[in-house]
């Protein structure tokens, strides 16, 4: 087993992951924007879809959504705490009978035959956490699809601004007084992060050229018994499109959720989220803007792809 797999397993199996991940849309505005965008894409592309594989399904944000639409969904994830939370939420929504829960890693999909599912999807970038096997994982996910694939992966152009903005997540905190531990840490340490920041051009150039966030430092932290963030491969838009075409995917649409929202100050975002009419209008416009192929690479951190199989 390579380090990417081991680090991902430890990170996503932390005991509080299920509860924390299930509340992200109550905590972060960028999650509201991104998940609203993906939900709209899904609901627009459900024609002819009855069976679904959700790889890296987490707490069921989208697998439960599709089960509520009448689909039969295989909910596949590396994290037992998140599967447990998804089962709880699925039961509350009355869709447990339309869902199959499987614990596993995206690097091991051999048990699924070719064209097993009408739709194969994977959101919030679990594909990017499988480095150096990300292309093979994409190939296997496409192999399993009969009609359509929908993926989101980490965006290289969208992620690079993080390297010059250590406090970027604070822009999207919905309530600074909520009980989320990372929110409280971010608020307490904001000024220190700004004071300590130094731009590392060499690192930025390396990420731009190679696409890799993380590596030896994460390996050392893992070996010391900690749970570092996953080693992450970030994709360029043309690269992702080329890979998908190479595996036979057609009619590919790319989008970048968060491209519009990342330009707006937190004070305005919070105001928009607190007014139902403005929130709806804002999310409607974000979806139109972020679906424009000219901005797909500058989505906040994810690059979304939709494509068909013939």
Protein backbone atom coordinates (compact mmCIF):
# COMPACT_ATOMS: atom_id res chain seq x y z
CA UNK A 1 0.00 0.00 0.00
CA UNK A 2 1.46 3.40 -0.93
CA UNK A 3 1.57 6.40 1.38
CA UNK A 4 -1.28 8.27 -0.32
CA UNK A 5 -3.65 5.42 0.49
CA UNK A 6 -2.41 5.06 4.07
CA UNK A 7 -2.56 8.79 4.78
CA UNK A 8 -6.05 9.06 3.30
CA UNK A 9 -7.31 6.14 5.37
CA UNK A 10 -6.03 7.69 8.59
CA UNK A 11 -7.28 11.20 7.77
CA UNK A 12 -10.80 10.16 6.76
CA UNK A 13 -11.22 7.60 9.55
CA UNK A 14 -10.72 10.11 12.34
CA UNK A 15 -13.66 9.54 14.74
CA UNK A 16 -15.22 12.99 14.27
CA UNK A 17 -15.06 13.00 10.46
CA UNK A 18 -18.61 11.81 9.90
CA UNK A 19 -20.19 14.48 12.06
CA UNK A 20 -17.94 17.33 10.90
CA UNK A 21 -18.24 16.54 7.20
CA UNK A 22 -22.03 16.24 7.39
CA UNK A 23 -22.22 19.83 8.70
CA UNK A 24 -20.01 21.56 6.14
CA UNK A 25 -22.89 23.40 4.47
CA UNK A 26 -23.86 24.74 7.88
CA UNK A 27 -20.30 25.94 8.44
CA UNK A 28 -18.67 27.14 5.20
CA UNK A 29 -20.14 29.27 2.42
CA UNK A 30 -17.83 27.80 -0.21
CA UNK A 31 -19.29 24.38 0.56
CA UNK A 32 -22.79 25.76 0.08
CA UNK A 33 -21.80 27.13 -3.35
CA UNK A 34 -19.90 24.04 -4.46
CA UNK A 35 -22.49 21.50 -3.36
CA UNK A 36 -25.33 23.55 -4.82
CA UNK A 37 -23.46 23.58 -8.14
CA UNK A 38 -22.91 19.81 -8.12
CA UNK A 39 -26.51 19.14 -7.12
CA UNK A 40 -27.76 21.18 -10.07
CA UNK A 41 -25.42 19.34 -12.45
CA UNK A 42 -26.63 15.99 -11.15
CA UNK A 43 -30.29 16.80 -11.42
CA UNK A 44 -29.79 18.11 -14.97
CA UNK A 45 -28.14 14.83 -16.05
CA UNK A 46 -30.38 12.15 -14.52
CA UNK A 47 -32.22 11.23 -17.71
CA UNK A 48 -32.07 7.46 -18.12
CA UNK A 49 -30.21 6.93 -14.82
CA UNK A 50 -31.42 4.16 -12.52
CA UNK A 51 -28.24 2.73 -10.97
CA UNK A 52 -25.44 4.84 -9.49
CA UNK A 53 -21.97 4.26 -8.03
CA UNK A 54 -20.76 7.09 -5.75
CA UNK A 55 -17.03 6.72 -5.18
CA UNK A 56 -15.84 8.57 -2.10
CA UNK A 57 -19.44 9.21 -1.12
CA UNK A 58 -18.66 10.58 2.34
CA UNK A 59 -21.72 11.30 4.46
CA UNK A 60 -24.10 10.82 1.56
CA UNK A 61 -24.65 14.40 0.41
CA UNK A 62 -25.20 13.22 -3.18
CA UNK A 63 -25.83 9.49 -2.82
CA UNK A 64 -28.84 10.18 -0.59
CA UNK A 65 -30.02 12.92 -2.97
CA UNK A 66 -30.09 10.44 -5.86
CA UNK A 67 -31.71 7.73 -3.77
CA UNK A 68 -34.48 10.24 -3.02
CA UNK A 69 -34.84 10.66 -6.80
CA UNK A 70 -35.55 6.92 -7.06
CA UNK A 71 -32.06 5.71 -8.07
CA UNK A 72 -30.42 2.62 -6.58
CA UNK A 73 -27.08 3.83 -5.25
CA UNK A 74 -23.89 2.06 -4.19
CA UNK A 75 -22.34 4.33 -1.56
CA UNK A 76 -18.59 3.57 -1.54
CA UNK A 77 -16.15 5.22 0.87
CA UNK A 78 -12.85 4.67 2.66
CA UNK A 79 -14.16 6.06 5.96
CA UNK A 80 -16.25 4.01 8.38
CA UNK A 81 -17.26 7.09 10.44
CA UNK A 82 -18.63 8.74 7.30
CA UNK A 83 -20.40 5.57 6.16
CA UNK A 84 -22.00 5.31 9.61
CA UNK A 85 -23.18 8.92 9.37
CA UNK A 86 -24.50 8.32 5.85
CA UNK A 87 -26.48 5.30 7.05
CA UNK A 88 -28.00 7.43 9.81
CA UNK A 89 -28.98 10.17 7.37
CA UNK A 90 -30.29 7.70 4.78
CA UNK A 91 -32.51 6.09 7.41
CA UNK A 92 -33.83 9.51 8.45
CA UNK A 93 -34.67 10.25 4.79
CA UNK A 94 -36.35 6.87 4.30
CA UNK A 95 -34.07 5.71 1.47
CA UNK A 96 -31.96 2.97 3.12
CA UNK A 97 -33.67 0.35 0.97
CA UNK A 98 -32.30 2.01 -2.18
CA UNK A 99 -28.72 2.21 -0.95
CA UNK A 100 -25.85 -0.28 -0.60
CA UNK A 101 -22.97 0.80 1.65
CA UNK A 102 -19.47 -0.46 0.90
CA UNK A 103 -16.21 0.37 2.69
CA UNK A 104 -13.27 0.43 0.32
CA UNK A 105 -10.60 2.43 -1.47
CA UNK A 106 -10.86 3.86 -4.97
CA UNK A 107 -7.59 2.16 -5.83
CA UNK A 108 -9.38 -1.21 -5.53
CA UNK A 109 -12.44 -1.42 -7.77
CA UNK A 110 -11.74 -4.79 -9.41
CA UNK A 111 -14.90 -6.32 -7.88
CA UNK A 112 -17.08 -4.21 -10.17
CA UNK A 113 -17.62 -5.37 -13.73
CA UNK A 114 -17.48 -3.18 -16.82
CA UNK A 115 -20.58 -0.99 -17.33
CA UNK A 116 -22.10 -1.98 -13.99
CA UNK A 117 -23.82 1.35 -13.30
CA UNK A 118 -25.74 3.87 -15.40
CA UNK A 119 -23.93 6.72 -13.64
CA UNK A 120 -20.55 6.67 -11.90
CA UNK A 121 -19.75 9.76 -9.85
CA UNK A 122 -17.09 10.93 -7.42
CA UNK A 123 -17.18 14.36 -5.76
CA UNK A 124 -15.08 16.53 -3.43
CA UNK A 125 -11.83 15.26 -4.99
CA UNK A 126 -11.23 11.73 -3.60
CA UNK A 127 -9.69 10.89 -7.00
CA UNK A 128 -7.01 13.49 -6.31
CA UNK A 129 -6.09 11.75 -3.06
CA UNK A 130 -5.09 8.53 -4.87
CA UNK A 131 -1.78 9.89 -6.26
CA UNK A 132 0.15 8.42 -8.04
CA UNK A 133 -2.73 6.22 -9.20
CA UNK A 134 -5.21 8.96 -10.14
CA UNK A 135 -5.28 8.18 -13.87
CA UNK A 136 -5.79 4.47 -13.24
CA UNK A 137 -8.61 5.28 -10.79
CA UNK A 138 -10.32 7.50 -13.39
CA UNK A 139 -10.00 4.70 -15.92
CA UNK A 140 -11.61 2.19 -13.58
CA UNK A 141 -14.46 4.54 -12.71
CA UNK A 142 -15.14 5.17 -16.40
CA UNK A 143 -14.93 1.43 -17.09
CA UNK A 144 -17.74 0.85 -14.59
CA UNK A 145 -20.07 3.41 -16.22
CA UNK A 146 -22.73 2.50 -18.77
CA UNK A 147 -24.09 5.95 -19.64
CA UNK A 148 -22.45 8.83 -17.79
CA UNK A 149 -19.65 9.93 -15.45
CA UNK A 150 -19.51 12.96 -13.18
CA UNK A 151 -16.35 13.76 -11.22
CA UNK A 152 -14.85 16.59 -9.26
CA UNK A 153 -11.11 16.65 -8.74
CA UNK A 154 -8.73 19.13 -7.15
CA UNK A 155 -8.09 22.05 -9.49
CA UNK A 156 -4.49 23.15 -9.96
CA UNK A 157 -5.30 26.71 -10.97
CA UNK A 158 -7.99 26.93 -8.31
CA UNK A 159 -5.70 25.63 -5.56
CA UNK A 160 -2.61 27.71 -6.35
CA UNK A 161 -4.02 30.91 -4.76
CA UNK A 162 -3.96 29.05 -1.42
CA UNK A 163 -0.17 29.25 -1.55
CA UNK A 164 -0.42 33.04 -1.27
CA UNK A 165 -3.39 33.21 1.09
CA UNK A 166 -3.00 31.28 4.34
CA UNK A 167 -6.31 32.63 5.68
CA UNK A 168 -8.44 31.90 2.60
CA UNK A 169 -10.85 29.62 4.47
CA UNK A 170 -11.87 32.42 6.85
CA UNK A 171 -13.46 34.21 3.88
CA UNK A 172 -16.11 31.48 3.80
CA UNK A 173 -16.92 30.99 7.50
CA UNK A 174 -20.67 31.36 7.89
CA UNK A 175 -20.65 31.89 11.68
CA UNK A 176 -17.40 32.70 13.48
CA UNK A 177 -18.99 31.70 16.79
CA UNK A 178 -20.01 28.18 15.80
CA UNK A 179 -18.57 25.20 17.61
CA UNK A 180 -16.54 23.79 14.72
CA UNK A 181 -12.96 23.33 16.02
CA UNK A 182 -11.29 24.33 12.74
CA UNK A 183 -13.38 27.50 12.54
CA UNK A 184 -12.31 28.45 16.04
CA UNK A 185 -8.66 27.68 15.28
CA UNK A 186 -8.83 29.75 12.07
CA UNK A 187 -10.35 32.75 13.83
CA UNK A 188 -7.80 32.62 16.68
CA UNK A 189 -4.80 32.24 14.40
CA UNK A 190 -5.75 34.56 11.54
CA UNK A 191 -3.41 37.42 12.45
CA UNK A 192 -0.52 35.09 13.24
CA UNK A 193 -0.90 33.32 9.89
CA UNK A 194 -0.73 36.69 8.13
CA UNK A 195 2.30 37.82 10.12
CA UNK A 196 4.17 34.55 9.57
CA UNK A 197 3.39 34.29 5.85
CA UNK A 198 6.23 34.34 3.30
CA UNK A 199 5.62 33.73 -0.39
CA UNK A 200 7.59 30.73 -1.65
CA UNK A 201 7.87 31.27 -5.38
CA UNK A 202 9.86 28.06 -5.92
CA UNK A 203 7.10 25.99 -4.32
CA UNK A 204 4.40 27.79 -6.33
CA UNK A 205 6.32 27.20 -9.58
CA UNK A 206 6.74 23.53 -8.69
CA UNK A 207 3.03 23.04 -8.00
CA UNK A 208 2.13 24.84 -11.22
CA UNK A 209 4.48 22.57 -13.18
CA UNK A 210 3.85 19.24 -11.42
CA UNK A 211 0.44 19.56 -9.77
CA UNK A 212 1.35 17.89 -6.49
CA UNK A 213 0.40 19.29 -3.09
CA UNK A 214 2.11 17.41 -0.29
CA UNK A 215 4.69 14.69 -0.18
CA UNK A 216 7.59 13.98 2.15
CA UNK A 217 6.38 16.24 4.96
CA UNK A 218 3.04 14.43 5.08
CA UNK A 219 4.78 11.06 5.00
CA UNK A 220 6.97 12.03 7.96
CA UNK A 221 3.95 13.33 9.88
CA UNK A 222 2.09 10.08 9.18
CA UNK A 223 5.06 8.01 10.37
CA UNK A 224 5.11 10.07 13.58
CA UNK A 225 1.58 8.84 14.29
CA UNK A 226 -0.34 11.94 13.20
CA UNK A 227 -3.14 12.32 10.63
CA UNK A 228 -1.91 14.84 8.03
CA UNK A 229 -4.01 16.15 5.16
CA UNK A 230 -3.95 13.84 2.14
CA UNK A 231 -1.26 14.08 -0.52
CA UNK A 232 -3.21 15.69 -3.36
CA UNK A 233 -2.76 15.68 -7.13
CA UNK A 234 -4.27 18.77 -8.76
CA UNK A 235 -5.47 18.69 -12.38
CA UNK A 236 -5.35 21.24 -15.17
CA UNK A 237 -8.65 21.48 -17.11
CA UNK A 238 -7.21 20.36 -20.45
CA UNK A 239 -5.38 17.51 -18.70
CA UNK A 240 -8.57 16.16 -17.13
CA UNK A 241 -10.45 16.46 -20.42
CA UNK A 242 -7.64 14.64 -22.27
CA UNK A 243 -7.62 11.79 -19.72
CA UNK A 244 -11.39 11.36 -19.92
CA UNK A 245 -11.37 11.38 -23.73
CA UNK A 246 -8.61 8.78 -23.67
CA UNK A 247 -10.94 6.48 -21.75
CA UNK A 248 -13.78 7.01 -24.23
CA UNK A 249 -15.79 9.75 -22.50
CA UNK A 250 -17.65 12.07 -24.90
CA UNK A 251 -19.48 15.41 -24.73
CA UNK A 252 -17.37 16.55 -21.78
CA UNK A 253 -18.47 19.66 -19.88
CA UNK A 254 -16.11 21.30 -17.39
CA UNK A 255 -17.03 23.80 -14.69
CA UNK A 256 -15.42 25.48 -11.71
CA UNK A 257 -17.74 25.90 -8.72
CA UNK A 258 -16.70 28.83 -6.57
CA UNK A 259 -15.04 30.89 -9.30
CA UNK A 260 -17.48 33.76 -8.75
CA UNK A 261 -17.86 33.34 -5.00
CA UNK A 262 -14.13 33.55 -4.29
CA UNK A 263 -14.08 37.15 -5.56
CA UNK A 264 -16.53 38.38 -2.89
CA UNK A 265 -15.66 39.60 0.65
CA UNK A 266 -16.87 37.53 3.59
CA UNK A 267 -19.11 40.31 4.91
CA UNK A 268 -21.09 40.33 1.65
CA UNK A 269 -21.23 36.53 1.41
CA UNK A 270 -22.62 36.27 4.95
CA UNK A 271 -25.22 38.93 4.14
CA UNK A 272 -26.27 37.06 0.99
CA UNK A 273 -26.58 33.75 2.85
CA UNK A 274 -28.81 35.32 5.52
CA UNK A 275 -31.47 36.51 3.05
CA UNK A 276 -33.34 33.62 1.33
CA UNK A 277 -34.23 35.64 -1.79
CA UNK A 278 -30.70 37.02 -2.26
CA UNK A 279 -29.20 33.61 -1.50
CA UNK A 280 -31.30 31.96 -4.21
CA UNK A 281 -30.51 34.66 -6.77
CA UNK A 282 -26.82 34.55 -5.88
CA UNK A 283 -26.56 30.77 -6.18
CA UNK A 284 -28.47 30.86 -9.48
CA UNK A 285 -25.96 33.35 -10.85
CA UNK A 286 -22.96 31.47 -9.40
CA UNK A 287 -24.11 28.37 -11.25
CA UNK A 288 -24.31 30.22 -14.57
CA UNK A 289 -20.97 31.97 -14.08
CA UNK A 290 -19.08 28.93 -12.77
CA UNK A 291 -20.39 26.75 -15.63
CA UNK A 292 -18.70 28.98 -18.20
CA UNK A 293 -15.73 27.02 -19.63
CA UNK A 294 -13.55 30.13 -19.55
CA UNK A 295 -13.52 30.12 -15.72
CA UNK A 296 -13.57 26.36 -15.08
CA UNK A 297 -9.94 26.29 -13.94
CA UNK A 298 -10.50 28.99 -11.34
CA UNK A 299 -13.21 27.30 -9.31
CA UNK A 300 -12.34 27.59 -5.66
CA UNK A 301 -10.63 24.23 -5.34
CA UNK A 302 -12.56 21.73 -7.45
CA UNK A 303 -12.84 21.12 -11.16
CA UNK A 304 -16.09 19.39 -12.17
CA UNK A 305 -16.43 17.20 -15.26
CA UNK A 306 -19.55 15.64 -16.78
CA UNK A 307 -19.37 13.28 -19.77
CA UNK A 308 -21.21 10.53 -21.58
CA UNK A 309 -20.37 7.00 -22.70
CA UNK A 310 -21.55 5.75 -26.07
